[in-house]
C-alpha cells in the first residue's frame, strides 16, 4: 500500500494508477489524514478489470487471506437468502407516523 498526498497524487496520477493497475492500493492523504483509497476496479463477475477470466480478483485473494487468519468468516449466500425469507420487515400500525417523523419528534423531546 502506497500513501500519497493530494498535491503529489495530482502531479503524478499516471504513476499511481500504474500501481493500482498492477494490483496495488493507494491511500490518499489530506494533511496526513487518510481520506480515500484507490483500489483496482473489479467487474460484477468478480474478475479484476484487465485480468484473465480464470484469475482471482485481488479482493477475493484479500478476503481469503483474512479468512485463513481467522479474522473474518464469509457468509453463505443460501443462508442469507433463507434468513431474508423468514424475517419479513416489520409492519407499522395504520396511522403511525413515518420513522423519520418519529425520530424528529424524539429529537425535539430531547432538546427540551
N, C-alpha and C. Protein backbone atom coordinates (compact mmCIF):
# COMPACT_ATOMS: atom_id res chain seq x y z
N UNK A 1 0.85 -1.17 0.00
CA UNK A 1 0.00 0.00 0.00
C UNK A 1 0.90 1.23 0.00
N UNK A 2 0.58 2.15 -0.89
CA UNK A 2 1.35 3.38 -1.03
C UNK A 2 0.49 4.53 -0.54
N UNK A 3 1.11 5.50 0.13
CA UNK A 3 0.40 6.69 0.60
C UNK A 3 0.83 7.88 -0.25
N UNK A 4 -0.12 8.76 -0.56
CA UNK A 4 0.18 9.93 -1.38
C UNK A 4 -0.66 11.11 -0.93
N UNK A 5 -0.02 12.26 -0.79
CA UNK A 5 -0.74 13.49 -0.51
C UNK A 5 -1.52 13.92 -1.75
N UNK A 6 -2.49 14.78 -1.57
CA UNK A 6 -3.35 15.19 -2.67
C UNK A 6 -2.56 15.86 -3.78
N UNK A 7 -1.70 16.80 -3.45
CA UNK A 7 -0.93 17.51 -4.47
C UNK A 7 -0.02 16.54 -5.22
N UNK A 8 0.64 15.65 -4.49
CA UNK A 8 1.53 14.67 -5.11
C UNK A 8 0.73 13.73 -6.02
N UNK A 9 -0.46 13.34 -5.58
CA UNK A 9 -1.31 12.46 -6.39
C UNK A 9 -1.72 13.16 -7.68
N UNK A 10 -2.10 14.44 -7.58
CA UNK A 10 -2.49 15.18 -8.78
C UNK A 10 -1.33 15.29 -9.76
N UNK A 11 -0.13 15.54 -9.24
CA UNK A 11 1.03 15.74 -10.11
C UNK A 11 1.55 14.44 -10.72
N UNK A 12 1.29 13.30 -10.07
CA UNK A 12 1.83 12.02 -10.52
C UNK A 12 0.75 10.97 -10.69
N UNK A 13 -0.43 11.37 -11.11
CA UNK A 13 -1.57 10.47 -11.17
C UNK A 13 -1.29 9.23 -12.02
N UNK A 14 -0.66 9.40 -13.16
CA UNK A 14 -0.39 8.25 -14.04
C UNK A 14 0.47 7.21 -13.34
N UNK A 15 1.46 7.64 -12.59
CA UNK A 15 2.33 6.69 -11.87
C UNK A 15 1.54 5.93 -10.82
N UNK A 16 0.67 6.63 -10.09
CA UNK A 16 -0.12 5.96 -9.05
C UNK A 16 -1.14 5.00 -9.68
N UNK A 17 -1.71 5.39 -10.82
CA UNK A 17 -2.65 4.49 -11.49
C UNK A 17 -1.94 3.24 -12.01
N UNK A 18 -0.69 3.36 -12.40
CA UNK A 18 0.08 2.16 -12.79
C UNK A 18 0.21 1.20 -11.62
N UNK A 19 0.41 1.74 -10.41
CA UNK A 19 0.50 0.91 -9.21
C UNK A 19 -0.83 0.18 -8.98
N UNK A 20 -1.94 0.90 -9.15
CA UNK A 20 -3.27 0.31 -8.96
C UNK A 20 -3.55 -0.75 -10.02
N UNK A 21 -3.18 -0.47 -11.26
CA UNK A 21 -3.38 -1.45 -12.34
C UNK A 21 -2.62 -2.74 -12.05
N UNK A 22 -1.49 -2.63 -11.36
CA UNK A 22 -0.69 -3.81 -11.03
C UNK A 22 -1.24 -4.54 -9.81
N UNK A 23 -2.37 -4.07 -9.26
CA UNK A 23 -3.00 -4.75 -8.13
C UNK A 23 -2.73 -4.09 -6.79
N UNK A 24 -2.03 -2.96 -6.77
CA UNK A 24 -1.72 -2.27 -5.52
C UNK A 24 -2.83 -1.34 -5.08
N UNK A 25 -2.60 -0.70 -3.94
CA UNK A 25 -3.54 0.27 -3.39
C UNK A 25 -2.81 1.58 -3.16
N UNK A 26 -3.55 2.68 -3.28
CA UNK A 26 -3.00 3.99 -2.97
C UNK A 26 -3.94 4.63 -1.95
N UNK A 27 -3.40 5.04 -0.81
CA UNK A 27 -4.18 5.75 0.20
C UNK A 27 -3.92 7.23 0.00
N UNK A 28 -4.99 8.01 -0.16
CA UNK A 28 -4.88 9.44 -0.38
C UNK A 28 -4.95 10.14 0.97
N UNK A 29 -3.96 11.01 1.20
CA UNK A 29 -3.87 11.72 2.47
C UNK A 29 -4.16 13.21 2.28
N UNK A 30 -4.90 13.77 3.21
CA UNK A 30 -5.13 15.21 3.26
C UNK A 30 -4.53 15.69 4.57
N UNK A 31 -3.36 16.30 4.50
CA UNK A 31 -2.62 16.74 5.69
C UNK A 31 -2.41 15.57 6.66
N UNK A 32 -1.89 14.49 6.14
CA UNK A 32 -1.56 13.28 6.90
C UNK A 32 -2.78 12.53 7.44
N UNK A 33 -3.98 12.88 6.99
CA UNK A 33 -5.19 12.17 7.39
C UNK A 33 -5.71 11.39 6.18
N UNK A 34 -5.86 10.07 6.30
CA UNK A 34 -6.39 9.29 5.17
C UNK A 34 -7.82 9.71 4.85
N UNK A 35 -8.07 10.01 3.57
CA UNK A 35 -9.41 10.43 3.15
C UNK A 35 -10.00 9.53 2.06
N UNK A 36 -9.14 8.77 1.38
CA UNK A 36 -9.64 7.91 0.30
C UNK A 36 -8.65 6.80 0.03
N UNK A 37 -9.16 5.78 -0.66
CA UNK A 37 -8.30 4.66 -1.04
C UNK A 37 -8.61 4.33 -2.49
N UNK A 38 -7.59 4.23 -3.31
CA UNK A 38 -7.76 3.87 -4.71
C UNK A 38 -7.35 2.40 -4.84
N UNK A 39 -8.29 1.58 -5.29
CA UNK A 39 -8.06 0.14 -5.43
C UNK A 39 -8.40 -0.28 -6.84
N UNK A 40 -7.92 -1.44 -7.29
CA UNK A 40 -8.24 -1.89 -8.64
C UNK A 40 -9.75 -2.08 -8.82
N UNK A 41 -10.23 -1.74 -9.99
CA UNK A 41 -11.64 -1.89 -10.33
C UNK A 41 -11.93 -3.36 -10.64
N UNK A 42 -13.06 -3.87 -10.13
CA UNK A 42 -13.46 -5.23 -10.46
C UNK A 42 -14.82 -5.20 -11.15
N UNK A 43 -14.98 -6.10 -12.09
CA UNK A 43 -16.24 -6.21 -12.81
C UNK A 43 -17.26 -6.92 -11.93
N UNK A 44 -18.55 -6.83 -12.28
CA UNK A 44 -19.58 -7.50 -11.48
C UNK A 44 -19.38 -9.01 -11.32
N UNK A 45 -18.68 -9.64 -12.28
CA UNK A 45 -18.47 -11.08 -12.16
C UNK A 45 -17.31 -11.41 -11.24
N UNK A 46 -16.73 -10.39 -10.58
CA UNK A 46 -15.67 -10.62 -9.60
C UNK A 46 -14.28 -10.67 -10.17
N UNK A 47 -14.15 -10.54 -11.49
CA UNK A 47 -12.84 -10.58 -12.13
C UNK A 47 -12.29 -9.16 -12.19
N UNK A 48 -11.04 -8.98 -11.82
CA UNK A 48 -10.42 -7.67 -11.88
C UNK A 48 -10.39 -7.18 -13.31
N UNK A 49 -10.64 -5.90 -13.52
CA UNK A 49 -10.60 -5.34 -14.86
C UNK A 49 -9.21 -5.55 -15.44
N UNK A 50 -9.14 -6.09 -16.64
CA UNK A 50 -7.86 -6.36 -17.27
C UNK A 50 -7.27 -7.71 -16.90
N UNK A 51 -7.90 -8.43 -15.99
CA UNK A 51 -7.37 -9.74 -15.57
C UNK A 51 -7.93 -10.83 -16.48
N UNK A 52 -7.26 -11.94 -16.48
CA UNK A 52 -7.73 -13.09 -17.26
C UNK A 52 -8.98 -13.66 -16.59
N UNK A 53 -9.92 -14.24 -17.35
CA UNK A 53 -11.15 -14.76 -16.76
C UNK A 53 -10.95 -15.77 -15.64
N UNK A 54 -9.92 -16.59 -15.67
CA UNK A 54 -9.71 -17.58 -14.63
C UNK A 54 -8.95 -17.07 -13.42
N UNK A 55 -8.46 -15.84 -13.48
CA UNK A 55 -7.65 -15.27 -12.41
C UNK A 55 -8.54 -14.69 -11.32
N UNK A 56 -8.18 -14.92 -10.06
CA UNK A 56 -8.97 -14.41 -8.94
C UNK A 56 -8.78 -12.91 -8.81
N UNK A 57 -9.83 -12.22 -8.41
CA UNK A 57 -9.75 -10.78 -8.19
C UNK A 57 -8.94 -10.51 -6.93
N UNK A 58 -8.25 -9.35 -6.85
CA UNK A 58 -7.47 -9.03 -5.66
C UNK A 58 -8.32 -9.05 -4.38
N UNK A 59 -9.61 -8.65 -4.49
CA UNK A 59 -10.46 -8.65 -3.31
C UNK A 59 -10.68 -10.07 -2.80
N UNK A 60 -10.85 -11.03 -3.73
CA UNK A 60 -11.05 -12.42 -3.33
C UNK A 60 -9.81 -12.95 -2.62
N UNK A 61 -8.65 -12.60 -3.15
CA UNK A 61 -7.40 -13.04 -2.51
C UNK A 61 -7.26 -12.43 -1.12
N UNK A 62 -7.61 -11.16 -1.01
CA UNK A 62 -7.51 -10.47 0.29
C UNK A 62 -8.48 -11.08 1.29
N UNK A 63 -9.71 -11.36 0.86
CA UNK A 63 -10.69 -11.98 1.75
C UNK A 63 -10.25 -13.38 2.16
N UNK A 64 -9.71 -14.13 1.22
CA UNK A 64 -9.24 -15.48 1.53
C UNK A 64 -8.11 -15.43 2.56
N UNK A 65 -7.22 -14.46 2.45
CA UNK A 65 -6.13 -14.33 3.42
C UNK A 65 -6.67 -13.98 4.81
N UNK A 66 -7.65 -13.09 4.87
CA UNK A 66 -8.25 -12.73 6.16
C UNK A 66 -8.99 -13.91 6.77
N UNK A 67 -9.63 -14.70 5.92
CA UNK A 67 -10.35 -15.88 6.41
C UNK A 67 -9.37 -16.92 6.97
N UNK A 68 -8.25 -17.11 6.29
CA UNK A 68 -7.23 -18.05 6.78
C UNK A 68 -6.68 -17.62 8.14
N UNK A 69 -6.59 -16.31 8.35
CA UNK A 69 -6.09 -15.79 9.63
C UNK A 69 -7.15 -15.86 10.72
N UNK A 70 -8.37 -16.20 10.36
CA UNK A 70 -9.45 -16.28 11.34
C UNK A 70 -10.04 -14.93 11.69
N UNK A 71 -9.75 -13.90 10.90
CA UNK A 71 -10.26 -12.57 11.19
C UNK A 71 -11.67 -12.34 10.67
N UNK A 72 -12.04 -13.06 9.62
CA UNK A 72 -13.39 -12.95 9.08
C UNK A 72 -13.92 -14.34 8.75
N UNK A 73 -15.22 -14.41 8.58
CA UNK A 73 -15.85 -15.63 8.08
C UNK A 73 -16.85 -15.18 7.03
N UNK A 74 -16.66 -15.66 5.82
CA UNK A 74 -17.55 -15.24 4.74
C UNK A 74 -18.91 -15.90 4.90
N UNK A 75 -19.93 -15.14 4.54
CA UNK A 75 -21.29 -15.63 4.66
C UNK A 75 -21.64 -16.63 3.57
N UNK A 76 -22.66 -17.40 3.85
CA UNK A 76 -23.17 -18.38 2.90
C UNK A 76 -24.39 -17.76 2.23
N UNK A 77 -24.35 -17.63 0.90
CA UNK A 77 -25.44 -16.96 0.18
C UNK A 77 -26.79 -17.60 0.43
N UNK A 78 -26.83 -18.93 0.50
CA UNK A 78 -28.11 -19.59 0.71
C UNK A 78 -28.63 -19.31 2.11
N UNK A 79 -27.74 -19.20 3.10
CA UNK A 79 -28.17 -18.89 4.46
C UNK A 79 -28.75 -17.48 4.53
N UNK A 80 -28.14 -16.54 3.82
CA UNK A 80 -28.66 -15.17 3.79
C UNK A 80 -30.03 -15.16 3.13
N UNK A 81 -30.18 -15.88 2.02
CA UNK A 81 -31.46 -15.95 1.31
C UNK A 81 -32.54 -16.54 2.23
N UNK A 82 -32.20 -17.60 2.98
CA UNK A 82 -33.16 -18.21 3.90
C UNK A 82 -33.55 -17.24 5.01
N UNK A 83 -32.57 -16.50 5.54
CA UNK A 83 -32.84 -15.55 6.61
C UNK A 83 -33.79 -14.46 6.12
N UNK A 84 -33.57 -13.96 4.92
CA UNK A 84 -34.42 -12.90 4.37
C UNK A 84 -35.84 -13.42 4.18
N UNK A 85 -35.99 -14.68 3.78
CA UNK A 85 -37.33 -15.25 3.59
C UNK A 85 -38.09 -15.36 4.92
N UNK A 86 -37.39 -15.68 5.99
CA UNK A 86 -38.06 -15.90 7.27
C UNK A 86 -38.18 -14.64 8.13
N UNK A 87 -37.47 -13.60 7.81
CA UNK A 87 -37.50 -12.36 8.60
C UNK A 87 -38.06 -11.24 7.72
N UNK A 88 -39.34 -11.11 7.75
CA UNK A 88 -40.01 -10.08 6.95
C UNK A 88 -39.92 -8.73 7.66
N UNK A 89 -40.02 -7.64 6.90
CA UNK A 89 -39.98 -6.30 7.52
C UNK A 89 -41.14 -6.11 8.49
N UNK A 90 -40.94 -5.31 9.49
CA UNK A 90 -41.96 -5.01 10.49
C UNK A 90 -43.02 -4.12 9.85
N UNK A 91 -44.27 -4.44 10.11
CA UNK A 91 -45.37 -3.62 9.59
C UNK A 91 -45.78 -2.62 10.68
N UNK A 92 -45.84 -1.37 10.31
CA UNK A 92 -46.27 -0.34 11.25
C UNK A 92 -47.79 -0.31 11.29
N UNK A 93 -48.37 -0.02 12.45
CA UNK A 93 -49.84 0.06 12.52
C UNK A 93 -50.35 1.22 11.67
N UNK A 94 -51.60 1.07 11.22
CA UNK A 94 -52.21 2.14 10.41
C UNK A 94 -52.22 3.44 11.21
N UNK A 95 -51.92 4.53 10.51
CA UNK A 95 -51.94 5.83 11.16
C UNK A 95 -50.65 6.17 11.89
N UNK A 96 -49.73 5.22 11.96
CA UNK A 96 -48.46 5.50 12.61
C UNK A 96 -47.66 6.44 11.73
N UNK A 97 -46.93 7.35 12.36
CA UNK A 97 -46.10 8.28 11.60
C UNK A 97 -44.92 7.54 10.97
N UNK A 98 -44.26 8.21 10.08
CA UNK A 98 -43.11 7.58 9.45
C UNK A 98 -41.96 7.51 10.46
N UNK A 99 -40.98 6.71 10.15
CA UNK A 99 -39.83 6.56 11.02
C UNK A 99 -39.11 7.90 11.16
N UNK A 100 -39.03 8.65 10.08
CA UNK A 100 -38.36 9.95 10.11
C UNK A 100 -39.12 10.90 11.03
N UNK A 101 -40.44 10.92 10.92
CA UNK A 101 -41.23 11.80 11.78
C UNK A 101 -41.04 11.43 13.25
N UNK A 102 -41.03 10.13 13.54
CA UNK A 102 -40.84 9.67 14.92
C UNK A 102 -39.46 10.08 15.43
N UNK A 103 -38.45 9.94 14.61
CA UNK A 103 -37.09 10.32 15.01
C UNK A 103 -37.01 11.81 15.28
N UNK A 104 -37.59 12.62 14.40
CA UNK A 104 -37.57 14.07 14.61
C UNK A 104 -38.31 14.46 15.89
N UNK A 105 -39.41 13.78 16.16
CA UNK A 105 -40.17 14.04 17.39
C UNK A 105 -39.34 13.69 18.62
N UNK A 106 -38.64 12.57 18.57
CA UNK A 106 -37.78 12.17 19.70
C UNK A 106 -36.66 13.19 19.91
N UNK A 107 -36.10 13.72 18.84
CA UNK A 107 -35.04 14.71 18.96
C UNK A 107 -35.56 15.99 19.57
N UNK A 108 -36.79 16.39 19.18
CA UNK A 108 -37.38 17.59 19.75
C UNK A 108 -37.60 17.41 21.26
N UNK A 109 -38.02 16.21 21.66
CA UNK A 109 -38.25 15.95 23.09
C UNK A 109 -36.94 16.02 23.87
N UNK A 110 -35.84 15.53 23.28
CA UNK A 110 -34.53 15.57 23.95
C UNK A 110 -34.01 16.99 24.09
N UNK A 111 -34.40 17.88 23.17
CA UNK A 111 -33.89 19.26 23.17
C UNK A 111 -34.56 20.09 24.26
N UNK A 112 -35.66 19.61 24.79
CA UNK A 112 -36.40 20.40 25.80
C UNK A 112 -35.74 20.41 27.10
